[in-house]
Amino acid sequence: MGYIPAGIAFGVLFVAAKLPIWAAILSSVVLYAGAAQYASIALLAGGVGISTLASNTLAINLRHAFYAIPLLKQLPTNPISRFYCLFALTDETFSVLTTLHENERQRLILPVSLLNQCYWVIGTILGILLGAGLNDWVPHLDFALVCLFAILAYEQFKAVKAYYPIFIAIIAFVAAFYFTSDWLLLSAICGSLALIIIHFLMSNKSTHQQAL
């Protein structure tokens, strides 16, 4: 249910930007990408073109492509259900599923994906109903999504008990911030991926040497 407050914040900010209500609900149903939806508010309010909006969404959501890799075996066999689970594989859904046992994942991947999107859509509608006034009473509502990411990262750490992902994220962020600040998110994702591959190769090499 962590998506409800984040969805509320999105709905409120969307209305505060004087954008059409139907567009907020449509984006939560069809796009369903928290960070990209938050970013789209400023872009839509600024009147950018579809191509700019699409490229921005693609860059922000690039990380979702990697979420599917460890869950491929647990995806439903039904083509429609399988496609929907891939579409709805967001940060919170991935975090919840990866803390479950593999047998539970296969059984729960569809209902968890569906419930999380429902929470997000409900949150969006509640935010629209609360209106732009809430944005004046509670400043920095867009920070709700950052808080959600922080909680998800903490829950993942508790489940996995591994420190190297934290170090990788910090190194990638600092490098991206200082060298490619205009493309911070995309650069940080690519940097994290490169460091993960290096860590994987080094771990395999160490295991192979120990076996010899």
N, C-alpha and C. Protein backbone atom coordinates (compact mmCIF):
# COMPACT_ATOMS: atom_id res chain seq x y z
N MET A 1 0.82 -1.22 0.00
CA MET A 1 0.00 0.00 0.00
C MET A 1 0.85 1.27 0.00
N GLY A 2 2.16 1.10 -0.12
CA GLY A 2 3.05 2.26 -0.13
C GLY A 2 2.82 3.18 -1.31
N TYR A 3 2.16 2.67 -2.35
CA TYR A 3 1.91 3.49 -3.54
C TYR A 3 0.76 4.47 -3.35
N ILE A 4 -0.07 4.27 -2.34
CA ILE A 4 -1.21 5.17 -2.15
C ILE A 4 -0.75 6.60 -1.82
N PRO A 5 0.11 6.80 -0.79
CA PRO A 5 0.56 8.18 -0.54
C PRO A 5 1.35 8.78 -1.69
N ALA A 6 2.16 7.96 -2.37
CA ALA A 6 2.92 8.46 -3.52
C ALA A 6 1.97 8.83 -4.66
N GLY A 7 0.92 8.03 -4.84
CA GLY A 7 -0.09 8.32 -5.85
C GLY A 7 -0.88 9.58 -5.52
N ILE A 8 -1.18 9.76 -4.22
CA ILE A 8 -1.88 10.98 -3.79
C ILE A 8 -1.05 12.21 -4.13
N ALA A 9 0.25 12.14 -3.81
CA ALA A 9 1.14 13.27 -4.10
C ALA A 9 1.16 13.57 -5.60
N PHE A 10 1.20 12.51 -6.42
CA PHE A 10 1.19 12.71 -7.87
C PHE A 10 -0.09 13.40 -8.32
N GLY A 11 -1.23 12.92 -7.83
CA GLY A 11 -2.51 13.51 -8.21
C GLY A 11 -2.61 14.97 -7.82
N VAL A 12 -2.16 15.29 -6.61
CA VAL A 12 -2.21 16.68 -6.13
C VAL A 12 -1.31 17.58 -6.99
N LEU A 13 -0.09 17.13 -7.25
CA LEU A 13 0.85 17.93 -8.05
C LEU A 13 0.37 18.11 -9.48
N PHE A 14 -0.28 17.07 -10.02
CA PHE A 14 -0.81 17.14 -11.39
C PHE A 14 -1.89 18.21 -11.48
N VAL A 15 -2.78 18.22 -10.49
CA VAL A 15 -3.86 19.22 -10.46
C VAL A 15 -3.28 20.61 -10.22
N ALA A 16 -2.27 20.69 -9.34
CA ALA A 16 -1.66 21.99 -9.03
C ALA A 16 -1.00 22.60 -10.27
N ALA A 17 -0.55 21.75 -11.19
CA ALA A 17 0.07 22.24 -12.43
C ALA A 17 -0.97 22.63 -13.48
N LYS A 18 -2.26 22.54 -13.08
CA LYS A 18 -3.38 22.91 -13.96
C LYS A 18 -3.43 22.06 -15.23
N LEU A 19 -3.10 20.80 -15.08
CA LEU A 19 -3.18 19.85 -16.18
C LEU A 19 -4.52 19.11 -16.09
N PRO A 20 -5.04 18.58 -17.20
CA PRO A 20 -6.35 17.93 -17.20
C PRO A 20 -6.40 16.70 -16.29
N ILE A 21 -7.49 16.58 -15.56
CA ILE A 21 -7.64 15.48 -14.60
C ILE A 21 -7.59 14.13 -15.30
N TRP A 22 -8.24 14.04 -16.46
CA TRP A 22 -8.29 12.76 -17.17
C TRP A 22 -6.90 12.27 -17.54
N ALA A 23 -5.98 13.22 -17.80
CA ALA A 23 -4.61 12.84 -18.18
C ALA A 23 -3.87 12.19 -17.01
N ALA A 24 -4.15 12.65 -15.80
CA ALA A 24 -3.53 12.06 -14.61
C ALA A 24 -3.96 10.61 -14.43
N ILE A 25 -5.27 10.38 -14.54
CA ILE A 25 -5.80 9.02 -14.37
C ILE A 25 -5.32 8.12 -15.50
N LEU A 26 -5.35 8.65 -16.73
CA LEU A 26 -4.91 7.86 -17.89
C LEU A 26 -3.45 7.45 -17.76
N SER A 27 -2.60 8.37 -17.32
CA SER A 27 -1.18 8.05 -17.19
C SER A 27 -0.94 7.00 -16.11
N SER A 28 -1.75 7.02 -15.03
CA SER A 28 -1.60 6.02 -13.97
C SER A 28 -2.07 4.64 -14.42
N VAL A 29 -3.00 4.61 -15.37
CA VAL A 29 -3.50 3.33 -15.88
C VAL A 29 -2.62 2.81 -17.02
N VAL A 30 -2.26 3.68 -17.95
CA VAL A 30 -1.56 3.26 -19.17
C VAL A 30 -0.04 3.34 -19.03
N LEU A 31 0.45 4.41 -18.40
CA LEU A 31 1.90 4.57 -18.24
C LEU A 31 2.38 3.84 -17.00
N TYR A 32 1.79 4.12 -15.85
CA TYR A 32 2.09 3.47 -14.57
C TYR A 32 3.59 3.39 -14.32
N ALA A 33 4.19 4.55 -14.12
CA ALA A 33 5.63 4.61 -13.85
C ALA A 33 5.88 5.81 -12.95
N GLY A 34 5.90 5.56 -11.65
CA GLY A 34 5.94 6.62 -10.66
C GLY A 34 6.88 7.76 -10.95
N ALA A 35 8.18 7.47 -11.02
CA ALA A 35 9.18 8.53 -11.21
C ALA A 35 8.97 9.25 -12.54
N ALA A 36 8.67 8.50 -13.60
CA ALA A 36 8.45 9.10 -14.92
C ALA A 36 7.19 9.96 -14.92
N GLN A 37 6.17 9.55 -14.17
CA GLN A 37 4.95 10.34 -14.10
C GLN A 37 5.19 11.65 -13.36
N TYR A 38 5.96 11.59 -12.30
CA TYR A 38 6.31 12.82 -11.58
C TYR A 38 7.06 13.77 -12.51
N ALA A 39 8.03 13.23 -13.25
CA ALA A 39 8.82 14.05 -14.18
C ALA A 39 7.96 14.62 -15.30
N SER A 40 6.93 13.87 -15.69
CA SER A 40 6.08 14.31 -16.81
C SER A 40 5.26 15.54 -16.46
N ILE A 41 5.04 15.79 -15.18
CA ILE A 41 4.22 16.94 -14.78
C ILE A 41 4.84 18.25 -15.28
N ALA A 42 6.12 18.43 -14.97
CA ALA A 42 6.81 19.66 -15.41
C ALA A 42 6.91 19.73 -16.92
N LEU A 43 7.13 18.57 -17.56
CA LEU A 43 7.26 18.55 -19.01
C LEU A 43 5.95 18.90 -19.70
N LEU A 44 4.85 18.31 -19.22
CA LEU A 44 3.54 18.59 -19.80
C LEU A 44 3.13 20.04 -19.54
N ALA A 45 3.41 20.51 -18.34
CA ALA A 45 3.07 21.90 -18.02
C ALA A 45 3.87 22.88 -18.88
N GLY A 46 5.08 22.46 -19.28
CA GLY A 46 5.91 23.31 -20.13
C GLY A 46 5.60 23.18 -21.60
N GLY A 47 4.68 22.28 -21.94
CA GLY A 47 4.24 22.13 -23.32
C GLY A 47 5.24 21.44 -24.23
N VAL A 48 6.02 20.50 -23.70
CA VAL A 48 7.00 19.79 -24.54
C VAL A 48 6.29 18.84 -25.50
N GLY A 49 7.00 18.41 -26.52
CA GLY A 49 6.44 17.51 -27.52
C GLY A 49 6.40 16.07 -27.03
N ILE A 50 5.66 15.24 -27.77
CA ILE A 50 5.52 13.83 -27.42
C ILE A 50 6.86 13.12 -27.45
N SER A 51 7.71 13.46 -28.43
CA SER A 51 9.00 12.78 -28.56
C SER A 51 9.88 13.03 -27.34
N THR A 52 9.90 14.26 -26.84
CA THR A 52 10.68 14.59 -25.64
C THR A 52 10.14 13.86 -24.43
N LEU A 53 8.83 13.83 -24.30
CA LEU A 53 8.19 13.14 -23.18
C LEU A 53 8.48 11.65 -23.23
N ALA A 54 8.42 11.06 -24.43
CA ALA A 54 8.66 9.63 -24.59
C ALA A 54 10.11 9.26 -24.27
N SER A 55 11.05 10.07 -24.75
CA SER A 55 12.47 9.79 -24.50
C SER A 55 12.81 9.94 -23.03
N ASN A 56 12.19 10.92 -22.38
CA ASN A 56 12.41 11.12 -20.95
C ASN A 56 11.87 9.93 -20.15
N THR A 57 10.68 9.47 -20.52
CA THR A 57 10.07 8.32 -19.84
C THR A 57 10.91 7.07 -20.04
N LEU A 58 11.41 6.88 -21.25
CA LEU A 58 12.24 5.72 -21.55
C LEU A 58 13.52 5.73 -20.71
N ALA A 59 14.14 6.89 -20.60
CA ALA A 59 15.39 7.00 -19.84
C ALA A 59 15.16 6.70 -18.36
N ILE A 60 14.07 7.23 -17.81
CA ILE A 60 13.79 7.02 -16.39
C ILE A 60 13.40 5.58 -16.10
N ASN A 61 12.65 4.96 -17.03
CA ASN A 61 12.14 3.61 -16.80
C ASN A 61 13.07 2.51 -17.30
N LEU A 62 14.25 2.88 -17.75
CA LEU A 62 15.19 1.88 -18.27
C LEU A 62 15.51 0.81 -17.23
N ARG A 63 15.55 1.22 -15.97
CA ARG A 63 15.89 0.27 -14.90
C ARG A 63 14.88 -0.87 -14.79
N HIS A 64 13.63 -0.62 -15.19
CA HIS A 64 12.60 -1.65 -15.08
C HIS A 64 12.91 -2.87 -15.95
N ALA A 65 13.65 -2.66 -17.03
CA ALA A 65 13.99 -3.77 -17.93
C ALA A 65 14.83 -4.82 -17.20
N PHE A 66 15.67 -4.36 -16.27
CA PHE A 66 16.54 -5.28 -15.54
C PHE A 66 15.79 -6.02 -14.43
N TYR A 67 14.65 -5.46 -14.00
CA TYR A 67 13.88 -6.11 -12.94
C TYR A 67 13.33 -7.46 -13.39
N ALA A 68 13.05 -7.58 -14.68
CA ALA A 68 12.42 -8.81 -15.18
C ALA A 68 13.37 -10.00 -15.19
N ILE A 69 14.68 -9.74 -15.27
CA ILE A 69 15.65 -10.82 -15.45
C ILE A 69 15.58 -11.88 -14.34
N PRO A 70 15.63 -11.50 -13.05
CA PRO A 70 15.58 -12.54 -12.01
C PRO A 70 14.19 -13.15 -11.80
N LEU A 71 13.18 -12.60 -12.47
CA LEU A 71 11.81 -13.08 -12.26
C LEU A 71 11.24 -13.83 -13.47
N LEU A 72 12.06 -14.04 -14.50
CA LEU A 72 11.57 -14.66 -15.73
C LEU A 72 10.93 -16.02 -15.50
N LYS A 73 11.54 -16.82 -14.64
CA LYS A 73 11.02 -18.17 -14.39
C LYS A 73 9.71 -18.16 -13.61
N GLN A 74 9.45 -17.07 -12.89
CA GLN A 74 8.24 -17.00 -12.08
C GLN A 74 7.08 -16.31 -12.80
N LEU A 75 7.31 -15.80 -13.99
CA LEU A 75 6.24 -15.11 -14.72
C LEU A 75 5.15 -16.09 -15.14
N PRO A 76 3.89 -15.65 -15.19
CA PRO A 76 2.80 -16.53 -15.61
C PRO A 76 3.00 -17.04 -17.03
N THR A 77 2.47 -18.22 -17.31
CA THR A 77 2.60 -18.79 -18.66
C THR A 77 1.57 -18.20 -19.62
N ASN A 78 0.44 -17.75 -19.08
CA ASN A 78 -0.58 -17.12 -19.92
C ASN A 78 -0.02 -15.85 -20.55
N PRO A 79 -0.09 -15.70 -21.88
CA PRO A 79 0.54 -14.55 -22.55
C PRO A 79 0.06 -13.19 -22.05
N ILE A 80 -1.25 -13.07 -21.82
CA ILE A 80 -1.80 -11.78 -21.36
C ILE A 80 -1.31 -11.47 -19.95
N SER A 81 -1.37 -12.46 -19.06
CA SER A 81 -0.91 -12.26 -17.68
C SER A 81 0.59 -11.98 -17.66
N ARG A 82 1.33 -12.68 -18.51
CA ARG A 82 2.78 -12.49 -18.58
C ARG A 82 3.12 -11.06 -19.04
N PHE A 83 2.43 -10.60 -20.08
CA PHE A 83 2.66 -9.24 -20.58
C PHE A 83 2.32 -8.21 -19.51
N TYR A 84 1.20 -8.41 -18.81
CA TYR A 84 0.81 -7.44 -17.78
C TYR A 84 1.82 -7.40 -16.64
N CYS A 85 2.31 -8.56 -16.22
CA CYS A 85 3.29 -8.60 -15.12
C CYS A 85 4.58 -7.87 -15.51
N LEU A 86 4.98 -8.00 -16.76
CA LEU A 86 6.17 -7.27 -17.23
C LEU A 86 5.90 -5.77 -17.27
N PHE A 87 4.71 -5.40 -17.71
CA PHE A 87 4.32 -3.98 -17.76
C PHE A 87 4.26 -3.38 -16.36
N ALA A 88 3.74 -4.14 -15.41
CA ALA A 88 3.50 -3.63 -14.06
C ALA A 88 4.66 -3.87 -13.09
N LEU A 89 5.81 -4.26 -13.62
CA LEU A 89 6.96 -4.57 -12.77
C LEU A 89 7.68 -3.28 -12.38
N THR A 90 7.20 -2.66 -11.33
CA THR A 90 7.76 -1.39 -10.85
C THR A 90 8.69 -1.65 -9.66
N ASP A 91 9.20 -0.56 -9.10
CA ASP A 91 10.15 -0.68 -7.99
C ASP A 91 9.55 -1.42 -6.79
N GLU A 92 8.36 -1.00 -6.37
CA GLU A 92 7.76 -1.62 -5.19
C GLU A 92 7.38 -3.07 -5.46
N THR A 93 6.84 -3.35 -6.64
CA THR A 93 6.47 -4.72 -6.99
C THR A 93 7.68 -5.62 -7.00
N PHE A 94 8.77 -5.17 -7.60
CA PHE A 94 10.01 -5.94 -7.63
C PHE A 94 10.53 -6.18 -6.22
N SER A 95 10.49 -5.14 -5.40
CA SER A 95 11.00 -5.25 -4.03
C SER A 95 10.20 -6.26 -3.22
N VAL A 96 8.88 -6.21 -3.35
CA VAL A 96 8.02 -7.16 -2.62
C VAL A 96 8.26 -8.59 -3.10
N LEU A 97 8.30 -8.78 -4.41
CA LEU A 97 8.43 -10.13 -4.97
C LEU A 97 9.77 -10.77 -4.64
N THR A 98 10.84 -9.99 -4.65
CA THR A 98 12.17 -10.56 -4.41
C THR A 98 12.41 -10.90 -2.94
N THR A 99 11.53 -10.47 -2.06
CA THR A 99 11.64 -10.88 -0.65
C THR A 99 10.88 -12.17 -0.38
N LEU A 100 10.14 -12.65 -1.37
CA LEU A 100 9.36 -13.88 -1.22
C LEU A 100 10.15 -15.09 -1.69
N HIS A 101 9.75 -16.27 -1.20
CA HIS A 101 10.33 -17.52 -1.70
C HIS A 101 9.90 -17.72 -3.15
N GLU A 102 10.72 -18.42 -3.93
CA GLU A 102 10.45 -18.58 -5.37
C GLU A 102 9.07 -19.17 -5.64
N ASN A 103 8.65 -20.15 -4.83
CA ASN A 103 7.33 -20.76 -5.04
C ASN A 103 6.21 -19.74 -4.80
N GLU A 104 6.39 -18.89 -3.80
CA GLU A 104 5.39 -17.87 -3.52
C GLU A 104 5.36 -16.80 -4.61
N ARG A 105 6.53 -16.50 -5.16
CA ARG A 105 6.60 -15.50 -6.23
C ARG A 105 5.71 -15.88 -7.40
N GLN A 106 5.82 -17.13 -7.83
CA GLN A 106 5.06 -17.58 -9.00
C GLN A 106 3.56 -17.47 -8.74
N ARG A 107 3.15 -17.73 -7.51
CA ARG A 107 1.73 -17.69 -7.17
C ARG A 107 1.23 -16.26 -6.97
N LEU A 108 2.10 -15.37 -6.50
CA LEU A 108 1.66 -14.04 -6.11
C LEU A 108 2.05 -12.93 -7.09
N ILE A 109 2.85 -13.24 -8.10
CA ILE A 109 3.35 -12.17 -8.97
C ILE A 109 2.23 -11.40 -9.66
N LEU A 110 1.18 -12.09 -10.11
CA LEU A 110 0.08 -11.40 -10.78
C LEU A 110 -0.76 -10.59 -9.80
N PRO A 111 -1.24 -11.19 -8.68
CA PRO A 111 -2.04 -10.38 -7.74
C PRO A 111 -1.27 -9.21 -7.13
N VAL A 112 0.02 -9.40 -6.83
CA VAL A 112 0.82 -8.29 -6.27
C VAL A 112 0.94 -7.17 -7.29
N SER A 113 1.21 -7.52 -8.55
CA SER A 113 1.34 -6.52 -9.61
C SER A 113 0.03 -5.74 -9.79
N LEU A 114 -1.07 -6.47 -9.79
CA LEU A 114 -2.38 -5.84 -9.99
C LEU A 114 -2.76 -4.95 -8.80
N LEU A 115 -2.52 -5.45 -7.58
CA LEU A 115 -2.84 -4.67 -6.39
C LEU A 115 -2.03 -3.38 -6.32
N ASN A 116 -0.74 -3.48 -6.63
CA ASN A 116 0.10 -2.28 -6.57
C ASN A 116 -0.36 -1.21 -7.55
N GLN A 117 -0.76 -1.64 -8.76
CA GLN A 117 -1.26 -0.63 -9.70
C GLN A 117 -2.59 -0.05 -9.23
N CYS A 118 -3.43 -0.89 -8.64
CA CYS A 118 -4.70 -0.39 -8.10
C CYS A 118 -4.44 0.65 -7.01
N TYR A 119 -3.47 0.36 -6.13
CA TYR A 119 -3.11 1.32 -5.08
C TYR A 119 -2.66 2.65 -5.69
N TRP A 120 -1.86 2.56 -6.76
CA TRP A 120 -1.35 3.77 -7.40
C TRP A 120 -2.48 4.57 -8.04
N VAL A 121 -3.39 3.89 -8.73
CA VAL A 121 -4.52 4.57 -9.38
C VAL A 121 -5.44 5.18 -8.33
N ILE A 122 -5.72 4.43 -7.26
CA ILE A 122 -6.56 4.94 -6.17
C ILE A 122 -5.92 6.18 -5.55
N GLY A 123 -4.60 6.11 -5.31
CA GLY A 123 -3.88 7.25 -4.76
C GLY A 123 -3.98 8.46 -5.67
N THR A 124 -3.84 8.23 -6.98
CA THR A 124 -3.95 9.33 -7.95
C THR A 124 -5.32 9.99 -7.88
N ILE A 125 -6.37 9.18 -7.83
CA ILE A 125 -7.74 9.71 -7.77
C ILE A 125 -7.95 10.49 -6.46
N LEU A 126 -7.46 9.94 -5.35
CA LEU A 126 -7.58 10.64 -4.06
C LEU A 126 -6.85 11.98 -4.11
N GLY A 127 -5.67 11.99 -4.73
CA GLY A 127 -4.91 13.24 -4.86
C GLY A 127 -5.66 14.28 -5.67
N ILE A 128 -6.33 13.82 -6.74
CA ILE A 128 -7.13 14.73 -7.58
C ILE A 128 -8.29 15.30 -6.77
N LEU A 129 -8.94 14.44 -5.97
CA LEU A 129 -10.08 14.87 -5.17
C LEU A 129 -9.66 15.85 -4.07
N LEU A 130 -8.48 15.61 -3.49
CA LEU A 130 -7.98 16.52 -2.45
C LEU A 130 -7.63 17.89 -3.04
N GLY A 131 -7.19 17.87 -4.30
CA GLY A 131 -6.96 19.11 -5.02
C GLY A 131 -5.64 19.78 -4.75
N ALA A 132 -5.42 20.86 -5.47
CA ALA A 132 -4.15 21.57 -5.41
C ALA A 132 -3.93 22.23 -4.05
N GLY A 133 -5.00 22.43 -3.28
CA GLY A 133 -4.86 23.09 -1.98
C GLY A 133 -3.92 22.34 -1.05
N LEU A 134 -3.91 21.02 -1.15
CA LEU A 134 -3.03 20.22 -0.29
C LEU A 134 -1.57 20.53 -0.55
N ASN A 135 -1.26 20.89 -1.78
CA ASN A 135 0.13 21.22 -2.13
C ASN A 135 0.61 22.47 -1.38
N ASP A 136 -0.32 23.37 -1.05
CA ASP A 136 0.04 24.57 -0.28
C ASP A 136 0.19 24.25 1.20
N TRP A 137 -0.63 23.31 1.70
CA TRP A 137 -0.57 22.94 3.11
C TRP A 137 0.62 22.04 3.42
N VAL A 138 0.93 21.15 2.47
CA VAL A 138 2.03 20.19 2.68
C VAL A 138 3.04 20.39 1.54
N PRO A 139 4.07 21.20 1.75
CA PRO A 139 5.05 21.44 0.67
C PRO A 139 5.92 20.22 0.40
N HIS A 140 6.54 20.21 -0.76
CA HIS A 140 7.48 19.15 -1.16
C HIS A 140 6.81 17.77 -1.19
N LEU A 141 5.60 17.72 -1.72
CA LEU A 141 4.89 16.44 -1.81
C LEU A 141 5.61 15.46 -2.72
N ASP A 142 6.35 15.97 -3.71
CA ASP A 142 7.03 15.08 -4.63
C ASP A 142 8.11 14.24 -3.94
N PHE A 143 8.45 14.60 -2.70
CA PHE A 143 9.44 13.83 -1.95
C PHE A 143 8.86 12.50 -1.47
N ALA A 144 7.55 12.32 -1.60
CA ALA A 144 6.91 11.07 -1.16
C ALA A 144 7.48 9.87 -1.91
N LEU A 145 7.76 10.04 -3.20
CA LEU A 145 8.29 8.93 -3.99
C LEU A 145 9.72 8.60 -3.57
N VAL A 146 10.50 9.63 -3.24
CA VAL A 146 11.87 9.41 -2.76
C VAL A 146 11.85 8.63 -1.45
N CYS A 147 10.93 8.98 -0.56
CA CYS A 147 10.77 8.25 0.71
C CYS A 147 10.42 6.79 0.46
N LEU A 148 9.53 6.56 -0.51
CA LEU A 148 9.16 5.19 -0.85
C LEU A 148 10.36 4.40 -1.34
N PHE A 149 11.18 5.00 -2.20
CA PHE A 149 12.39 4.32 -2.69
C PHE A 149 13.34 4.00 -1.54
N ALA A 150 13.48 4.93 -0.60
CA ALA A 150 14.37 4.72 0.55
C ALA A 150 13.88 3.54 1.40
N ILE A 151 12.58 3.46 1.60
CA ILE A 151 12.00 2.36 2.38
C ILE A 151 12.21 1.03 1.66
N LEU A 152 11.99 1.03 0.34
CA LEU A 152 12.19 -0.19 -0.45
C LEU A 152 13.64 -0.66 -0.38
N ALA A 153 14.57 0.29 -0.47
CA ALA A 153 16.00 -0.06 -0.40
C ALA A 153 16.33 -0.66 0.96
N TYR A 154 15.77 -0.09 2.02
CA TYR A 154 16.02 -0.60 3.37
C TYR A 154 15.45 -2.01 3.53
N GLU A 155 14.23 -2.23 3.02
CA GLU A 155 13.61 -3.55 3.11
C GLU A 155 14.41 -4.59 2.33
N GLN A 156 14.93 -4.18 1.17
CA GLN A 156 15.77 -5.09 0.38
C GLN A 156 17.05 -5.44 1.13
N PHE A 157 17.65 -4.44 1.78
CA PHE A 157 18.87 -4.69 2.54
C PHE A 157 18.60 -5.65 3.70
N LYS A 158 17.47 -5.48 4.38
CA LYS A 158 17.12 -6.38 5.48
C LYS A 158 16.94 -7.81 4.99
N ALA A 159 16.39 -7.95 3.79
CA ALA A 159 16.12 -9.30 3.26
C ALA A 159 17.38 -9.96 2.74
N VAL A 160 18.26 -9.20 2.09
CA VAL A 160 19.43 -9.77 1.41
C VAL A 160 20.68 -9.72 2.29
N LYS A 161 20.78 -8.69 3.13
CA LYS A 161 21.95 -8.49 4.00
C LYS A 161 23.25 -8.39 3.19
N ALA A 162 23.22 -7.61 2.13
CA ALA A 162 24.41 -7.41 1.29
C ALA A 162 24.73 -5.92 1.23
N TYR A 163 26.00 -5.59 1.44
CA TYR A 163 26.42 -4.18 1.47
C TYR A 163 26.84 -3.66 0.09
N TYR A 164 27.30 -4.56 -0.78
CA TYR A 164 27.87 -4.08 -2.04
C TYR A 164 26.88 -3.31 -2.93
N PRO A 165 25.56 -3.64 -2.93
CA PRO A 165 24.65 -2.82 -3.75
C PRO A 165 24.62 -1.36 -3.29
N ILE A 166 24.74 -1.14 -1.97
CA ILE A 166 24.74 0.23 -1.45
C ILE A 166 25.98 0.98 -1.93
N PHE A 167 27.13 0.31 -1.84
CA PHE A 167 28.38 0.94 -2.29
C PHE A 167 28.34 1.23 -3.79
N ILE A 168 27.79 0.28 -4.55
CA ILE A 168 27.68 0.47 -6.01
C ILE A 168 26.80 1.68 -6.32
N ALA A 169 25.66 1.78 -5.63
CA ALA A 169 24.75 2.90 -5.87
C ALA A 169 25.40 4.24 -5.54
N ILE A 170 26.13 4.29 -4.42
CA ILE A 170 26.78 5.54 -4.01
C ILE A 170 27.86 5.95 -5.01
N ILE A 171 28.70 4.98 -5.40
CA ILE A 171 29.79 5.27 -6.35
C ILE A 171 29.21 5.74 -7.69
N ALA A 172 28.18 5.03 -8.19
CA ALA A 172 27.58 5.39 -9.48
C ALA A 172 26.93 6.77 -9.42
N PHE A 173 26.26 7.06 -8.32
CA PHE A 173 25.60 8.37 -8.18
C PHE A 173 26.62 9.51 -8.14
N VAL A 174 27.65 9.35 -7.32
CA VAL A 174 28.67 10.41 -7.19
C VAL A 174 29.36 10.65 -8.53
N ALA A 175 29.71 9.56 -9.23
CA ALA A 175 30.37 9.70 -10.53
C ALA A 175 29.46 10.39 -11.54
N ALA A 176 28.18 9.98 -11.56
CA ALA A 176 27.23 10.58 -12.50
C ALA A 176 26.98 12.05 -12.16
N PHE A 177 26.92 12.36 -10.87
CA PHE A 177 26.65 13.74 -10.43
C PHE A 177 27.76 14.69 -10.85
N TYR A 178 29.00 14.25 -10.73
CA TYR A 178 30.13 15.13 -11.01
C TYR A 178 30.53 15.19 -12.49
N PHE A 179 30.26 14.09 -13.22
CA PHE A 179 30.74 14.04 -14.60
C PHE A 179 29.63 14.18 -15.65
N THR A 180 28.41 13.76 -15.32
CA THR A 180 27.32 13.81 -16.31
C THR A 180 26.02 14.27 -15.63
N SER A 181 26.05 15.40 -14.98
CA SER A 181 24.90 15.85 -14.19
C SER A 181 23.65 16.10 -15.04
N ASP A 182 23.82 16.39 -16.33
CA ASP A 182 22.66 16.62 -17.20
C ASP A 182 21.89 15.33 -17.47
N TRP A 183 22.57 14.20 -17.35
CA TRP A 183 21.94 12.90 -17.56
C TRP A 183 22.14 12.03 -16.32
N LEU A 184 21.82 12.61 -15.17
CA LEU A 184 22.16 12.00 -13.89
C LEU A 184 21.58 10.59 -13.72
N LEU A 185 20.27 10.45 -13.93
CA LEU A 185 19.62 9.16 -13.68
C LEU A 185 20.13 8.09 -14.63
N LEU A 186 20.14 8.41 -15.93
CA LEU A 186 20.58 7.43 -16.93
C LEU A 186 22.04 7.04 -16.71
N SER A 187 22.88 8.02 -16.41
CA SER A 187 24.31 7.74 -16.17
C SER A 187 24.50 6.89 -14.93
N ALA A 188 23.73 7.19 -13.88
CA ALA A 188 23.84 6.41 -12.64
C ALA A 188 23.40 4.97 -12.85
N ILE A 189 22.34 4.77 -13.64
CA ILE A 189 21.86 3.42 -13.94
C ILE A 189 22.91 2.64 -14.72
N CYS A 190 23.47 3.27 -15.76
CA CYS A 190 24.50 2.61 -16.57
C CYS A 190 25.74 2.32 -15.74
N GLY A 191 26.12 3.27 -14.89
CA GLY A 191 27.27 3.05 -14.01
C GLY A 191 27.05 1.91 -13.04
N SER A 192 25.84 1.85 -12.47
CA SER A 192 25.50 0.76 -11.55
C SER A 192 25.55 -0.58 -12.26
N LEU A 193 25.02 -0.62 -13.48
CA LEU A 193 25.02 -1.86 -14.26
C LEU A 193 26.45 -2.32 -14.53
N ALA A 194 27.32 -1.38 -14.91
CA ALA A 194 28.72 -1.73 -15.19
C ALA A 194 29.41 -2.27 -13.94
N LEU A 195 29.17 -1.64 -12.80
CA LEU A 195 29.78 -2.08 -11.54
C LEU A 195 29.24 -3.43 -11.09
N ILE A 196 27.95 -3.67 -11.33
CA ILE A 196 27.35 -4.97 -10.99
C ILE A 196 27.98 -6.08 -11.83
N ILE A 197 28.17 -5.81 -13.12
CA ILE A 197 28.80 -6.80 -14.01
C ILE A 197 30.23 -7.09 -13.56
N ILE A 198 30.98 -6.03 -13.21
CA ILE A 198 32.35 -6.21 -12.73
C ILE A 198 32.37 -7.03 -11.45
N HIS A 199 31.46 -6.72 -10.53
CA HIS A 199 31.37 -7.48 -9.27
C HIS A 199 31.04 -8.94 -9.53
N PHE A 200 30.12 -9.18 -10.47
CA PHE A 200 29.73 -10.55 -10.81
C PHE A 200 30.91 -11.33 -11.38
N LEU A 201 31.64 -10.71 -12.31
CA LEU A 201 32.79 -11.37 -12.94
C LEU A 201 33.89 -11.65 -11.92
N MET A 202 34.14 -10.71 -11.03
CA MET A 202 35.17 -10.89 -10.01
C MET A 202 34.78 -11.98 -9.02
N SER A 203 33.50 -12.04 -8.67
CA SER A 203 33.01 -13.09 -7.75
C SER A 203 33.14 -14.46 -8.38
N ASN A 204 32.78 -14.56 -9.67
CA ASN A 204 32.90 -15.84 -10.38
C ASN A 204 34.36 -16.28 -10.49
N LYS A 205 35.24 -15.32 -10.76
CA LYS A 205 36.66 -15.63 -10.87
C LYS A 205 37.22 -16.13 -9.54
N SER A 206 36.82 -15.47 -8.45
CA SER A 206 37.27 -15.87 -7.12
C SER A 206 36.76 -17.26 -6.76
N THR A 207 35.50 -17.54 -7.09
CA THR A 207 34.92 -18.86 -6.82
C THR A 207 35.63 -19.94 -7.61
N HIS A 208 35.94 -19.62 -8.87
CA HIS A 208 36.63 -20.58 -9.74
C HIS A 208 38.03 -20.88 -9.21
N GLN A 209 38.75 -19.86 -8.74
CA GLN A 209 40.10 -20.05 -8.21
C GLN A 209 40.07 -20.88 -6.93
N GLN A 210 39.06 -20.65 -6.10
CA GLN A 210 38.94 -21.43 -4.86
C GLN A 210 38.64 -22.89 -5.16
N ALA A 211 37.87 -23.13 -6.22
CA ALA A 211 37.53 -24.50 -6.60
C ALA A 211 38.76 -25.26 -7.09
N LEU A 212 39.71 -24.52 -7.71
CA LEU A 212 40.94 -25.15 -8.18
C LEU A 212 41.90 -25.41 -7.02
